[in-house]
Amino acid sequence: RQVRELVSARRIGGKAVERFRADLDAV
C-alpha cells in the first residue's frame, strides 16, 4: 500500500505510472 502511494504520482520516461499499474492490475 505504501509503495503504491509513493509511485502513484511519478512519471517514468515521460509516462505515467498509473497507466502501468492499471495494465498490471488487469493482468
mmCIF file of all heavy atoms, coordinates in Angstrom:
data_MODEL
# 
_entry.id   MODEL 
# 
loop_
_atom_site.group_PDB 
_atom_site.id 
_atom_site.type_symbol 
_atom_site.label_atom_id 
_atom_site.label_alt_id 
_atom_site.label_comp_id 
_atom_site.label_asym_id 
_atom_site.label_entity_id 
_atom_site.label_seq_id 
_atom_site.pdbx_PDB_ins_code 
_atom_site.Cartn_x 
_atom_site.Cartn_y 
_atom_site.Cartn_z 
_atom_site.occupancy 
_atom_site.B_iso_or_equiv 
_atom_site.pdbx_formal_charge 
_atom_site.auth_seq_id 
_atom_site.auth_comp_id 
_atom_site.auth_asym_id 
_atom_site.auth_atom_id 
_atom_site.pdbx_PDB_model_num 
ATOM 1   N N   . ARG A 1 1  ? 0.833  -1.210  0.000   1.00 0.00 ? 1  ARG A N   1 
ATOM 2   C CA  . ARG A 1 1  ? 0.000  0.000   0.000   1.00 0.00 ? 1  ARG A CA  1 
ATOM 3   C C   . ARG A 1 1  ? 0.870  1.263   0.000   1.00 0.00 ? 1  ARG A C   1 
ATOM 4   O O   . ARG A 1 1  ? 0.589  2.218   -0.727  1.00 0.00 ? 1  ARG A O   1 
ATOM 5   C CB  . ARG A 1 1  ? -0.926 0.009   1.228   1.00 0.00 ? 1  ARG A CB  1 
ATOM 6   C CG  . ARG A 1 1  ? -2.035 -1.023  1.175   1.00 0.00 ? 1  ARG A CG  1 
ATOM 7   C CD  . ARG A 1 1  ? -3.080 -0.767  2.251   1.00 0.00 ? 1  ARG A CD  1 
ATOM 8   N NE  . ARG A 1 1  ? -2.529 -0.907  3.595   1.00 0.00 ? 1  ARG A NE  1 
ATOM 9   C CZ  . ARG A 1 1  ? -2.490 -2.057  4.262   1.00 0.00 ? 1  ARG A CZ  1 
ATOM 10  N NH1 . ARG A 1 1  ? -2.957 -3.164  3.712   1.00 0.00 ? 1  ARG A NH1 1 
ATOM 11  N NH2 . ARG A 1 1  ? -1.984 -2.096  5.486   1.00 0.00 ? 1  ARG A NH2 1 
ATOM 12  N N   . GLN A 1 2  ? 1.925  1.249   0.807   1.00 0.00 ? 2  GLN A N   1 
ATOM 13  C CA  . GLN A 1 2  ? 2.796  2.419   0.883   1.00 0.00 ? 2  GLN A CA  1 
ATOM 14  C C   . GLN A 1 2  ? 3.530  2.670   -0.429  1.00 0.00 ? 2  GLN A C   1 
ATOM 15  O O   . GLN A 1 2  ? 3.657  3.819   -0.874  1.00 0.00 ? 2  GLN A O   1 
ATOM 16  C CB  . GLN A 1 2  ? 3.811  2.233   2.010   1.00 0.00 ? 2  GLN A CB  1 
ATOM 17  C CG  . GLN A 1 2  ? 3.227  2.197   3.400   1.00 0.00 ? 2  GLN A CG  1 
ATOM 18  C CD  . GLN A 1 2  ? 4.308  1.982   4.437   1.00 0.00 ? 2  GLN A CD  1 
ATOM 19  O OE1 . GLN A 1 2  ? 5.115  2.875   4.710   1.00 0.00 ? 2  GLN A OE1 1 
ATOM 20  N NE2 . GLN A 1 2  ? 4.367  0.797   5.001   1.00 0.00 ? 2  GLN A NE2 1 
ATOM 21  N N   . VAL A 1 3  ? 4.020  1.610   -1.046  1.00 0.00 ? 3  VAL A N   1 
ATOM 22  C CA  . VAL A 1 3  ? 4.770  1.763   -2.293  1.00 0.00 ? 3  VAL A CA  1 
ATOM 23  C C   . VAL A 1 3  ? 3.848  2.243   -3.409  1.00 0.00 ? 3  VAL A C   1 
ATOM 24  O O   . VAL A 1 3  ? 4.220  3.087   -4.225  1.00 0.00 ? 3  VAL A O   1 
ATOM 25  C CB  . VAL A 1 3  ? 5.471  0.444   -2.679  1.00 0.00 ? 3  VAL A CB  1 
ATOM 26  C CG1 . VAL A 1 3  ? 6.114  0.546   -4.066  1.00 0.00 ? 3  VAL A CG1 1 
ATOM 27  C CG2 . VAL A 1 3  ? 6.532  0.085   -1.645  1.00 0.00 ? 3  VAL A CG2 1 
ATOM 28  N N   . ARG A 1 4  ? 2.622  1.725   -3.458  1.00 0.00 ? 4  ARG A N   1 
ATOM 29  C CA  . ARG A 1 4  ? 1.671  2.190   -4.466  1.00 0.00 ? 4  ARG A CA  1 
ATOM 30  C C   . ARG A 1 4  ? 1.440  3.695   -4.322  1.00 0.00 ? 4  ARG A C   1 
ATOM 31  O O   . ARG A 1 4  ? 1.376  4.426   -5.314  1.00 0.00 ? 4  ARG A O   1 
ATOM 32  C CB  . ARG A 1 4  ? 0.340  1.438   -4.330  1.00 0.00 ? 4  ARG A CB  1 
ATOM 33  C CG  . ARG A 1 4  ? 0.379  0.011   -4.867  1.00 0.00 ? 4  ARG A CG  1 
ATOM 34  C CD  . ARG A 1 4  ? -0.915 -0.719  -4.570  1.00 0.00 ? 4  ARG A CD  1 
ATOM 35  N NE  . ARG A 1 4  ? -0.895 -2.081  -5.058  1.00 0.00 ? 4  ARG A NE  1 
ATOM 36  C CZ  . ARG A 1 4  ? -1.383 -2.468  -6.237  1.00 0.00 ? 4  ARG A CZ  1 
ATOM 37  N NH1 . ARG A 1 4  ? -1.927 -1.569  -7.055  1.00 0.00 ? 4  ARG A NH1 1 
ATOM 38  N NH2 . ARG A 1 4  ? -1.335 -3.727  -6.614  1.00 0.00 ? 4  ARG A NH2 1 
ATOM 39  N N   . GLU A 1 5  ? 1.324  4.164   -3.085  1.00 0.00 ? 5  GLU A N   1 
ATOM 40  C CA  . GLU A 1 5  ? 1.144  5.596   -2.856  1.00 0.00 ? 5  GLU A CA  1 
ATOM 41  C C   . GLU A 1 5  ? 2.388  6.376   -3.275  1.00 0.00 ? 5  GLU A C   1 
ATOM 42  O O   . GLU A 1 5  ? 2.294  7.460   -3.869  1.00 0.00 ? 5  GLU A O   1 
ATOM 43  C CB  . GLU A 1 5  ? 0.832  5.860   -1.382  1.00 0.00 ? 5  GLU A CB  1 
ATOM 44  C CG  . GLU A 1 5  ? -0.531 5.344   -0.935  1.00 0.00 ? 5  GLU A CG  1 
ATOM 45  C CD  . GLU A 1 5  ? -0.755 5.517   0.557   1.00 0.00 ? 5  GLU A CD  1 
ATOM 46  O OE1 . GLU A 1 5  ? 0.126  6.123   1.224   1.00 0.00 ? 5  GLU A OE1 1 
ATOM 47  O OE2 . GLU A 1 5  ? -1.797 5.052   1.052   1.00 0.00 ? 5  GLU A OE2 1 
ATOM 48  N N   . LEU A 1 6  ? 3.560  5.826   -2.974  1.00 0.00 ? 6  LEU A N   1 
ATOM 49  C CA  . LEU A 1 6  ? 4.812  6.512   -3.292  1.00 0.00 ? 6  LEU A CA  1 
ATOM 50  C C   . LEU A 1 6  ? 4.970  6.721   -4.795  1.00 0.00 ? 6  LEU A C   1 
ATOM 51  O O   . LEU A 1 6  ? 5.371  7.804   -5.241  1.00 0.00 ? 6  LEU A O   1 
ATOM 52  C CB  . LEU A 1 6  ? 5.992  5.709   -2.735  1.00 0.00 ? 6  LEU A CB  1 
ATOM 53  C CG  . LEU A 1 6  ? 7.390  6.281   -2.872  1.00 0.00 ? 6  LEU A CG  1 
ATOM 54  C CD1 . LEU A 1 6  ? 8.279  5.788   -1.738  1.00 0.00 ? 6  LEU A CD1 1 
ATOM 55  C CD2 . LEU A 1 6  ? 8.039  5.886   -4.207  1.00 0.00 ? 6  LEU A CD2 1 
ATOM 56  N N   . VAL A 1 7  ? 4.656  5.707   -5.569  1.00 0.00 ? 7  VAL A N   1 
ATOM 57  C CA  . VAL A 1 7  ? 4.906  5.797   -7.017  1.00 0.00 ? 7  VAL A CA  1 
ATOM 58  C C   . VAL A 1 7  ? 3.707  6.341   -7.795  1.00 0.00 ? 7  VAL A C   1 
ATOM 59  O O   . VAL A 1 7  ? 3.827  6.624   -8.992  1.00 0.00 ? 7  VAL A O   1 
ATOM 60  C CB  . VAL A 1 7  ? 5.309  4.428   -7.608  1.00 0.00 ? 7  VAL A CB  1 
ATOM 61  C CG1 . VAL A 1 7  ? 6.551  3.892   -6.923  1.00 0.00 ? 7  VAL A CG1 1 
ATOM 62  C CG2 . VAL A 1 7  ? 4.177  3.413   -7.544  1.00 0.00 ? 7  VAL A CG2 1 
ATOM 63  N N   . SER A 1 8  ? 2.564  6.532   -7.137  1.00 0.00 ? 8  SER A N   1 
ATOM 64  C CA  . SER A 1 8  ? 1.343  6.869   -7.872  1.00 0.00 ? 8  SER A CA  1 
ATOM 65  C C   . SER A 1 8  ? 1.447  8.178   -8.644  1.00 0.00 ? 8  SER A C   1 
ATOM 66  O O   . SER A 1 8  ? 0.865  8.323   -9.718  1.00 0.00 ? 8  SER A O   1 
ATOM 67  C CB  . SER A 1 8  ? 0.143  6.918   -6.927  1.00 0.00 ? 8  SER A CB  1 
ATOM 68  O OG  . SER A 1 8  ? 0.316  7.944   -5.958  1.00 0.00 ? 8  SER A OG  1 
ATOM 69  N N   . ALA A 1 9  ? 2.170  9.158   -8.088  1.00 0.00 ? 9  ALA A N   1 
ATOM 70  C CA  . ALA A 1 9  ? 2.240  10.461  -8.741  1.00 0.00 ? 9  ALA A CA  1 
ATOM 71  C C   . ALA A 1 9  ? 3.469  10.616  -9.636  1.00 0.00 ? 9  ALA A C   1 
ATOM 72  O O   . ALA A 1 9  ? 3.676  11.677  -10.215 1.00 0.00 ? 9  ALA A O   1 
ATOM 73  C CB  . ALA A 1 9  ? 2.239  11.569  -7.689  1.00 0.00 ? 9  ALA A CB  1 
ATOM 74  N N   . ARG A 1 10 ? 4.270  9.587   -9.735  1.00 0.00 ? 10 ARG A N   1 
ATOM 75  C CA  . ARG A 1 10 ? 5.519  9.701   -10.501 1.00 0.00 ? 10 ARG A CA  1 
ATOM 76  C C   . ARG A 1 10 ? 5.305  9.411   -11.976 1.00 0.00 ? 10 ARG A C   1 
ATOM 77  O O   . ARG A 1 10 ? 4.325  8.790   -12.375 1.00 0.00 ? 10 ARG A O   1 
ATOM 78  C CB  . ARG A 1 10 ? 6.587  8.751   -9.943  1.00 0.00 ? 10 ARG A CB  1 
ATOM 79  C CG  . ARG A 1 10 ? 7.010  9.071   -8.518  1.00 0.00 ? 10 ARG A CG  1 
ATOM 80  C CD  . ARG A 1 10 ? 8.286  8.342   -8.163  1.00 0.00 ? 10 ARG A CD  1 
ATOM 81  N NE  . ARG A 1 10 ? 9.403  8.773   -8.982  1.00 0.00 ? 10 ARG A NE  1 
ATOM 82  C CZ  . ARG A 1 10 ? 10.100 9.884   -8.762  1.00 0.00 ? 10 ARG A CZ  1 
ATOM 83  N NH1 . ARG A 1 10 ? 9.796  10.670  -7.771  1.00 0.00 ? 10 ARG A NH1 1 
ATOM 84  N NH2 . ARG A 1 10 ? 11.114 10.199  -9.548  1.00 0.00 ? 10 ARG A NH2 1 
ATOM 85  N N   . ARG A 1 11 ? 6.270  9.875   -12.755 1.00 0.00 ? 11 ARG A N   1 
ATOM 86  C CA  . ARG A 1 11 ? 6.318  9.560   -14.178 1.00 0.00 ? 11 ARG A CA  1 
ATOM 87  C C   . ARG A 1 11 ? 7.684  8.961   -14.458 1.00 0.00 ? 11 ARG A C   1 
ATOM 88  O O   . ARG A 1 11 ? 8.689  9.385   -13.887 1.00 0.00 ? 11 ARG A O   1 
ATOM 89  C CB  . ARG A 1 11 ? 6.111  10.811  -15.037 1.00 0.00 ? 11 ARG A CB  1 
ATOM 90  C CG  . ARG A 1 11 ? 4.750  11.446  -14.851 1.00 0.00 ? 11 ARG A CG  1 
ATOM 91  C CD  . ARG A 1 11 ? 4.594  12.702  -15.685 1.00 0.00 ? 11 ARG A CD  1 
ATOM 92  N NE  . ARG A 1 11 ? 4.514  12.394  -17.116 1.00 0.00 ? 11 ARG A NE  1 
ATOM 93  C CZ  . ARG A 1 11 ? 3.386  12.050  -17.732 1.00 0.00 ? 11 ARG A CZ  1 
ATOM 94  N NH1 . ARG A 1 11 ? 2.256  11.936  -17.048 1.00 0.00 ? 11 ARG A NH1 1 
ATOM 95  N NH2 . ARG A 1 11 ? 3.370  11.818  -19.029 1.00 0.00 ? 11 ARG A NH2 1 
ATOM 96  N N   . ILE A 1 12 ? 7.718  7.930   -15.280 1.00 0.00 ? 12 ILE A N   1 
ATOM 97  C CA  . ILE A 1 12 ? 8.986  7.324   -15.661 1.00 0.00 ? 12 ILE A CA  1 
ATOM 98  C C   . ILE A 1 12 ? 9.101  7.385   -17.179 1.00 0.00 ? 12 ILE A C   1 
ATOM 99  O O   . ILE A 1 12 ? 8.220  6.941   -17.894 1.00 0.00 ? 12 ILE A O   1 
ATOM 100 C CB  . ILE A 1 12 ? 9.109  5.861   -15.164 1.00 0.00 ? 12 ILE A CB  1 
ATOM 101 C CG1 . ILE A 1 12 ? 7.855  5.043   -15.481 1.00 0.00 ? 12 ILE A CG1 1 
ATOM 102 C CG2 . ILE A 1 12 ? 9.397  5.819   -13.672 1.00 0.00 ? 12 ILE A CG2 1 
ATOM 103 C CD1 . ILE A 1 12 ? 7.979  3.578   -15.134 1.00 0.00 ? 12 ILE A CD1 1 
ATOM 104 N N   . GLY A 1 13 ? 10.183 7.979   -17.617 1.00 0.00 ? 13 GLY A N   1 
ATOM 105 C CA  . GLY A 1 13 ? 10.378 8.107   -19.051 1.00 0.00 ? 13 GLY A CA  1 
ATOM 106 C C   . GLY A 1 13 ? 9.273  8.885   -19.727 1.00 0.00 ? 13 GLY A C   1 
ATOM 107 O O   . GLY A 1 13 ? 8.935  8.627   -20.879 1.00 0.00 ? 13 GLY A O   1 
ATOM 108 N N   . GLY A 1 14 ? 8.671  9.859   -19.001 1.00 0.00 ? 14 GLY A N   1 
ATOM 109 C CA  . GLY A 1 14 ? 7.600  10.652  -19.574 1.00 0.00 ? 14 GLY A CA  1 
ATOM 110 C C   . GLY A 1 14 ? 6.253  9.970   -19.574 1.00 0.00 ? 14 GLY A C   1 
ATOM 111 O O   . GLY A 1 14 ? 5.273  10.507  -20.092 1.00 0.00 ? 14 GLY A O   1 
ATOM 112 N N   . LYS A 1 15 ? 6.179  8.768   -18.979 1.00 0.00 ? 15 LYS A N   1 
ATOM 113 C CA  . LYS A 1 15 ? 4.915  8.025   -18.956 1.00 0.00 ? 15 LYS A CA  1 
ATOM 114 C C   . LYS A 1 15 ? 4.417  7.892   -17.516 1.00 0.00 ? 15 LYS A C   1 
ATOM 115 O O   . LYS A 1 15 ? 5.188  7.668   -16.593 1.00 0.00 ? 15 LYS A O   1 
ATOM 116 C CB  . LYS A 1 15 ? 5.104  6.639   -19.574 1.00 0.00 ? 15 LYS A CB  1 
ATOM 117 C CG  . LYS A 1 15 ? 5.499  6.699   -21.043 1.00 0.00 ? 15 LYS A CG  1 
ATOM 118 C CD  . LYS A 1 15 ? 5.557  5.323   -21.659 1.00 0.00 ? 15 LYS A CD  1 
ATOM 119 C CE  . LYS A 1 15 ? 5.917  5.410   -23.142 1.00 0.00 ? 15 LYS A CE  1 
ATOM 120 N NZ  . LYS A 1 15 ? 5.952  4.092   -23.797 1.00 0.00 ? 15 LYS A NZ  1 
ATOM 121 N N   . ALA A 1 16 ? 3.129  8.037   -17.335 1.00 0.00 ? 16 ALA A N   1 
ATOM 122 C CA  . ALA A 1 16 ? 2.542  7.971   -16.005 1.00 0.00 ? 16 ALA A CA  1 
ATOM 123 C C   . ALA A 1 16 ? 2.575  6.545   -15.466 1.00 0.00 ? 16 ALA A C   1 
ATOM 124 O O   . ALA A 1 16 ? 2.255  5.591   -16.168 1.00 0.00 ? 16 ALA A O   1 
ATOM 125 C CB  . ALA A 1 16 ? 1.103  8.480   -16.036 1.00 0.00 ? 16 ALA A CB  1 
ATOM 126 N N   . VAL A 1 17 ? 2.977  6.419   -14.217 1.00 0.00 ? 17 VAL A N   1 
ATOM 127 C CA  . VAL A 1 17 ? 3.000  5.111   -13.570 1.00 0.00 ? 17 VAL A CA  1 
ATOM 128 C C   . VAL A 1 17 ? 1.597  4.539   -13.452 1.00 0.00 ? 17 VAL A C   1 
ATOM 129 O O   . VAL A 1 17 ? 1.387  3.328   -13.500 1.00 0.00 ? 17 VAL A O   1 
ATOM 130 C CB  . VAL A 1 17 ? 3.674  5.220   -12.186 1.00 0.00 ? 17 VAL A CB  1 
ATOM 131 C CG1 . VAL A 1 17 ? 3.515  3.928   -11.393 1.00 0.00 ? 17 VAL A CG1 1 
ATOM 132 C CG2 . VAL A 1 17 ? 5.157  5.547   -12.337 1.00 0.00 ? 17 VAL A CG2 1 
ATOM 133 N N   . GLU A 1 18 ? 0.593  5.422   -13.305 1.00 0.00 ? 18 GLU A N   1 
ATOM 134 C CA  . GLU A 1 18 ? -0.785 4.962   -13.130 1.00 0.00 ? 18 GLU A CA  1 
ATOM 135 C C   . GLU A 1 18 ? -1.229 4.058   -14.287 1.00 0.00 ? 18 GLU A C   1 
ATOM 136 O O   . GLU A 1 18 ? -1.950 3.081   -14.074 1.00 0.00 ? 18 GLU A O   1 
ATOM 137 C CB  . GLU A 1 18 ? -1.728 6.161   -13.009 1.00 0.00 ? 18 GLU A CB  1 
ATOM 138 C CG  . GLU A 1 18 ? -1.697 6.849   -11.656 1.00 0.00 ? 18 GLU A CG  1 
ATOM 139 C CD  . GLU A 1 18 ? -2.159 5.939   -10.544 1.00 0.00 ? 18 GLU A CD  1 
ATOM 140 O OE1 . GLU A 1 18 ? -3.180 5.247   -10.713 1.00 0.00 ? 18 GLU A OE1 1 
ATOM 141 O OE2 . GLU A 1 18 ? -1.483 5.898   -9.500  1.00 0.00 ? 18 GLU A OE2 1 
ATOM 142 N N   . ARG A 1 19 ? -0.825 4.370   -15.493 1.00 0.00 ? 19 ARG A N   1 
ATOM 143 C CA  . ARG A 1 19 ? -1.229 3.545   -16.647 1.00 0.00 ? 19 ARG A CA  1 
ATOM 144 C C   . ARG A 1 19 ? -0.620 2.149   -16.540 1.00 0.00 ? 19 ARG A C   1 
ATOM 145 O O   . ARG A 1 19 ? -1.299 1.142   -16.783 1.00 0.00 ? 19 ARG A O   1 
ATOM 146 C CB  . ARG A 1 19 ? -0.787 4.225   -17.954 1.00 0.00 ? 19 ARG A CB  1 
ATOM 147 C CG  . ARG A 1 19 ? -1.077 3.396   -19.207 1.00 0.00 ? 19 ARG A CG  1 
ATOM 148 C CD  . ARG A 1 19 ? -2.573 3.139   -19.366 1.00 0.00 ? 19 ARG A CD  1 
ATOM 149 N NE  . ARG A 1 19 ? -2.845 2.278   -20.501 1.00 0.00 ? 19 ARG A NE  1 
ATOM 150 C CZ  . ARG A 1 19 ? -3.055 2.716   -21.737 1.00 0.00 ? 19 ARG A CZ  1 
ATOM 151 N NH1 . ARG A 1 19 ? -3.015 4.029   -22.002 1.00 0.00 ? 19 ARG A NH1 1 
ATOM 152 N NH2 . ARG A 1 19 ? -3.317 1.882   -22.713 1.00 0.00 ? 19 ARG A NH2 1 
ATOM 153 N N   . PHE A 1 20 ? 0.647  2.087   -16.164 1.00 0.00 ? 20 PHE A N   1 
ATOM 154 C CA  . PHE A 1 20 ? 1.303  0.795   -15.990 1.00 0.00 ? 20 PHE A CA  1 
ATOM 155 C C   . PHE A 1 20 ? 0.623  -0.006  -14.890 1.00 0.00 ? 20 PHE A C   1 
ATOM 156 O O   . PHE A 1 20 ? 0.359  -1.207  -15.046 1.00 0.00 ? 20 PHE A O   1 
ATOM 157 C CB  . PHE A 1 20 ? 2.783  1.009   -15.661 1.00 0.00 ? 20 PHE A CB  1 
ATOM 158 C CG  . PHE A 1 20 ? 3.487  -0.209  -15.134 1.00 0.00 ? 20 PHE A CG  1 
ATOM 159 C CD1 . PHE A 1 20 ? 3.682  -1.325  -15.940 1.00 0.00 ? 20 PHE A CD1 1 
ATOM 160 C CD2 . PHE A 1 20 ? 3.960  -0.242  -13.833 1.00 0.00 ? 20 PHE A CD2 1 
ATOM 161 C CE1 . PHE A 1 20 ? 4.342  -2.452  -15.451 1.00 0.00 ? 20 PHE A CE1 1 
ATOM 162 C CE2 . PHE A 1 20 ? 4.618  -1.361  -13.340 1.00 0.00 ? 20 PHE A CE2 1 
ATOM 163 C CZ  . PHE A 1 20 ? 4.803  -2.469  -14.148 1.00 0.00 ? 20 PHE A CZ  1 
ATOM 164 N N   . ARG A 1 21 ? 0.317  0.651   -13.775 1.00 0.00 ? 21 ARG A N   1 
ATOM 165 C CA  . ARG A 1 21 ? -0.346 -0.051  -12.679 1.00 0.00 ? 21 ARG A CA  1 
ATOM 166 C C   . ARG A 1 21 ? -1.712 -0.575  -13.091 1.00 0.00 ? 21 ARG A C   1 
ATOM 167 O O   . ARG A 1 21 ? -2.107 -1.685  -12.717 1.00 0.00 ? 21 ARG A O   1 
ATOM 168 C CB  . ARG A 1 21 ? -0.475 0.872   -11.468 1.00 0.00 ? 21 ARG A CB  1 
ATOM 169 C CG  . ARG A 1 21 ? 0.786  1.030   -10.651 1.00 0.00 ? 21 ARG A CG  1 
ATOM 170 C CD  . ARG A 1 21 ? 0.584  1.952   -9.473  1.00 0.00 ? 21 ARG A CD  1 
ATOM 171 N NE  . ARG A 1 21 ? -0.672 1.670   -8.773  1.00 0.00 ? 21 ARG A NE  1 
ATOM 172 C CZ  . ARG A 1 21 ? -1.172 2.463   -7.833  1.00 0.00 ? 21 ARG A CZ  1 
ATOM 173 N NH1 . ARG A 1 21 ? -0.559 3.580   -7.501  1.00 0.00 ? 21 ARG A NH1 1 
ATOM 174 N NH2 . ARG A 1 21 ? -2.292 2.135   -7.224  1.00 0.00 ? 21 ARG A NH2 1 
ATOM 175 N N   . ALA A 1 22 ? -2.448 0.213   -13.857 1.00 0.00 ? 22 ALA A N   1 
ATOM 176 C CA  . ALA A 1 22 ? -3.773 -0.231  -14.312 1.00 0.00 ? 22 ALA A CA  1 
ATOM 177 C C   . ALA A 1 22 ? -3.650 -1.437  -15.236 1.00 0.00 ? 22 ALA A C   1 
ATOM 178 O O   . ALA A 1 22 ? -4.434 -2.399  -15.133 1.00 0.00 ? 22 ALA A O   1 
ATOM 179 C CB  . ALA A 1 22 ? -4.485 0.910   -15.025 1.00 0.00 ? 22 ALA A CB  1 
ATOM 180 N N   . ASP A 1 23 ? -2.667 -1.403  -16.132 1.00 0.00 ? 23 ASP A N   1 
ATOM 181 C CA  . ASP A 1 23 ? -2.450 -2.547  -17.023 1.00 0.00 ? 23 ASP A CA  1 
ATOM 182 C C   . ASP A 1 23 ? -2.087 -3.785  -16.217 1.00 0.00 ? 23 ASP A C   1 
ATOM 183 O O   . ASP A 1 23 ? -2.602 -4.881  -16.464 1.00 0.00 ? 23 ASP A O   1 
ATOM 184 C CB  . ASP A 1 23 ? -1.322 -2.233  -18.020 1.00 0.00 ? 23 ASP A CB  1 
ATOM 185 C CG  . ASP A 1 23 ? -1.734 -1.228  -19.077 1.00 0.00 ? 23 ASP A CG  1 
ATOM 186 O OD1 . ASP A 1 23 ? -2.943 -1.108  -19.360 1.00 0.00 ? 23 ASP A OD1 1 
ATOM 187 O OD2 . ASP A 1 23 ? -0.832 -0.561  -19.637 1.00 0.00 ? 23 ASP A OD2 1 
ATOM 188 N N   . LEU A 1 24 ? -1.195 -3.611  -15.245 1.00 0.00 ? 24 LEU A N   1 
ATOM 189 C CA  . LEU A 1 24 ? -0.754 -4.756  -14.444 1.00 0.00 ? 24 LEU A CA  1 
ATOM 190 C C   . LEU A 1 24 ? -1.896 -5.314  -13.603 1.00 0.00 ? 24 LEU A C   1 
ATOM 191 O O   . LEU A 1 24 ? -2.067 -6.537  -13.507 1.00 0.00 ? 24 LEU A O   1 
ATOM 192 C CB  . LEU A 1 24 ? 0.414  -4.348  -13.554 1.00 0.00 ? 24 LEU A CB  1 
ATOM 193 C CG  . LEU A 1 24 ? 1.066  -5.487  -12.759 1.00 0.00 ? 24 LEU A CG  1 
ATOM 194 C CD1 . LEU A 1 24 ? 1.676  -6.522  -13.694 1.00 0.00 ? 24 LEU A CD1 1 
ATOM 195 C CD2 . LEU A 1 24 ? 2.121  -4.944  -11.807 1.00 0.00 ? 24 LEU A CD2 1 
ATOM 196 N N   . ASP A 1 25 ? -2.701 -4.440  -13.014 1.00 0.00 ? 25 ASP A N   1 
ATOM 197 C CA  . ASP A 1 25 ? -3.821 -4.904  -12.187 1.00 0.00 ? 25 ASP A CA  1 
ATOM 198 C C   . ASP A 1 25 ? -4.863 -5.653  -13.015 1.00 0.00 ? 25 ASP A C   1 
ATOM 199 O O   . ASP A 1 25 ? -5.561 -6.533  -12.506 1.00 0.00 ? 25 ASP A O   1 
ATOM 200 C CB  . ASP A 1 25 ? -4.480 -3.724  -11.467 1.00 0.00 ? 25 ASP A CB  1 
ATOM 201 C CG  . ASP A 1 25 ? -3.630 -3.204  -10.312 1.00 0.00 ? 25 ASP A CG  1 
ATOM 202 O OD1 . ASP A 1 25 ? -2.697 -3.916  -9.895  1.00 0.00 ? 25 ASP A OD1 1 
ATOM 203 O OD2 . ASP A 1 25 ? -3.898 -2.081  -9.844  1.00 0.00 ? 25 ASP A OD2 1 
ATOM 204 N N   . ALA A 1 26 ? -4.962 -5.316  -14.307 1.00 0.00 ? 26 ALA A N   1 
ATOM 205 C CA  . ALA A 1 26 ? -5.890 -6.042  -15.181 1.00 0.00 ? 26 ALA A CA  1 
ATOM 206 C C   . ALA A 1 26 ? -5.383 -7.452  -15.452 1.00 0.00 ? 26 ALA A C   1 
ATOM 207 O O   . ALA A 1 26 ? -6.174 -8.382  -15.619 1.00 0.00 ? 26 ALA A O   1 
ATOM 208 C CB  . ALA A 1 26 ? -6.068 -5.286  -16.499 1.00 0.00 ? 26 ALA A CB  1 
ATOM 209 N N   . VAL A 1 27 ? -4.066 -7.601  -15.491 1.00 0.00 ? 27 VAL A N   1 
ATOM 210 C CA  . VAL A 1 27 ? -3.459 -8.921  -15.730 1.00 0.00 ? 27 VAL A CA  1 
ATOM 211 C C   . VAL A 1 27 ? -3.405 -9.731  -14.437 1.00 0.00 ? 27 VAL A C   1 
ATOM 212 O O   . VAL A 1 27 ? -3.625 -10.940 -14.434 1.00 0.00 ? 27 VAL A O   1 
ATOM 213 C CB  . VAL A 1 27 ? -2.041 -8.756  -16.322 1.00 0.00 ? 27 VAL A CB  1 
ATOM 214 C CG1 . VAL A 1 27 ? -1.362 -10.114 -16.504 1.00 0.00 ? 27 VAL A CG1 1 
ATOM 215 C CG2 . VAL A 1 27 ? -2.097 -8.024  -17.663 1.00 0.00 ? 27 VAL A CG2 1 
# 
